[in-house]
Amino acid sequence: FAHREQPRLECVRIIIVYLIVDPKSGLDISSISEYPDEEEVLMVPGTCFKVTHVDKSGPVCEAHLRQLVPTDE
């Protein structure tokens, strides 16, 4: 049989830091999180974010996102 080599998937470790502008668009779930110090938030479906900065200099890539609200252009 012909054997096709599977593409190699490379994993990238990333942390995402969100700036939430409208606190009513998310629910704080840190009290039920496995990692309460991470201040996890469950966002309302359809919430939009804009990437404002990406830092690839360390062992973990860090992306900063800002929530877009209807008044943003």
Protein backbone atom coordinates (compact mmCIF):
# COMPACT_ATOMS: atom_id res chain seq x y z
CA PHE A 1 0.00 0.00 0.00
CA ALA A 2 1.07 3.55 -0.59
CA HIS A 3 1.81 5.29 2.65
CA ARG A 4 1.18 8.99 2.96
CA GLU A 5 3.11 10.69 5.69
CA GLN A 6 0.90 12.62 8.06
CA PRO A 7 1.67 16.34 8.29
CA ARG A 8 3.59 17.19 11.43
CA LEU A 9 1.58 19.32 13.79
CA GLU A 10 3.59 21.74 15.86
CA CYS A 11 2.19 22.86 19.17
CA VAL A 12 2.58 26.43 20.31
CA ARG A 13 2.05 27.39 23.93
CA ILE A 14 0.05 30.60 24.19
CA ILE A 15 -1.56 32.72 26.85
CA ILE A 16 -4.26 35.19 25.88
CA VAL A 17 -4.83 38.34 27.91
CA TYR A 18 -8.21 39.97 27.33
CA LEU A 19 -9.09 43.60 28.03
CA ILE A 20 -12.82 43.49 28.70
CA VAL A 21 -14.47 46.87 28.13
CA ASP A 22 -18.08 45.92 28.94
CA PRO A 23 -18.19 43.86 32.16
CA LYS A 24 -21.80 42.83 31.41
CA SER A 25 -20.59 40.81 28.41
CA GLY A 26 -18.80 38.21 30.54
CA LEU A 27 -19.34 36.02 33.58
CA ASP A 28 -16.59 35.53 36.16
CA ILE A 29 -16.06 31.76 36.51
CA SER A 30 -12.95 31.86 38.69
CA SER A 31 -14.91 30.37 41.63
CA ILE A 32 -15.52 27.16 39.65
CA SER A 33 -12.28 27.14 37.68
CA GLU A 34 -9.49 24.63 38.13
CA TYR A 35 -7.17 27.67 37.95
CA PRO A 36 -8.88 30.44 39.98
CA ASP A 37 -5.78 32.67 39.88
CA GLU A 38 -6.18 33.00 36.10
CA GLU A 39 -9.35 35.11 36.52
CA GLU A 40 -11.24 33.16 33.85
CA VAL A 41 -14.30 34.75 32.30
CA LEU A 42 -17.00 33.14 30.16
CA MET A 43 -17.89 35.55 27.36
CA VAL A 44 -21.29 36.02 25.76
CA PRO A 45 -21.40 34.39 22.29
CA GLY A 46 -20.64 36.87 19.53
CA THR A 47 -18.31 39.02 21.64
CA CYS A 48 -15.62 40.44 19.35
CA PHE A 49 -12.00 41.19 20.17
CA LYS A 50 -9.14 42.91 18.35
CA VAL A 51 -5.56 41.67 18.70
CA THR A 52 -3.55 44.60 20.03
CA HIS A 53 -0.17 42.98 20.71
CA VAL A 54 1.61 39.64 20.31
CA ASP A 55 4.83 38.82 22.17
CA LYS A 56 6.70 35.80 20.82
CA SER A 57 9.95 36.44 22.71
CA GLY A 58 9.45 33.95 25.55
CA PRO A 59 8.76 30.23 25.80
CA VAL A 60 5.03 30.99 25.81
CA CYS A 61 3.54 33.25 23.14
CA GLU A 62 1.43 36.02 24.70
CA ALA A 63 -1.42 37.68 22.81
CA HIS A 64 -3.28 40.74 24.07
CA LEU A 65 -6.84 41.30 22.87
CA ARG A 66 -9.20 44.23 23.46
CA GLN A 67 -12.94 43.79 23.43
CA LEU A 68 -14.72 45.66 20.66
CA VAL A 69 -17.95 47.38 21.59
CA PRO A 70 -20.56 48.84 19.20
CA THR A 71 -19.11 52.36 19.61
CA ASP A 72 -15.65 51.17 18.39
CA GLU A 73 -14.79 51.75 14.77
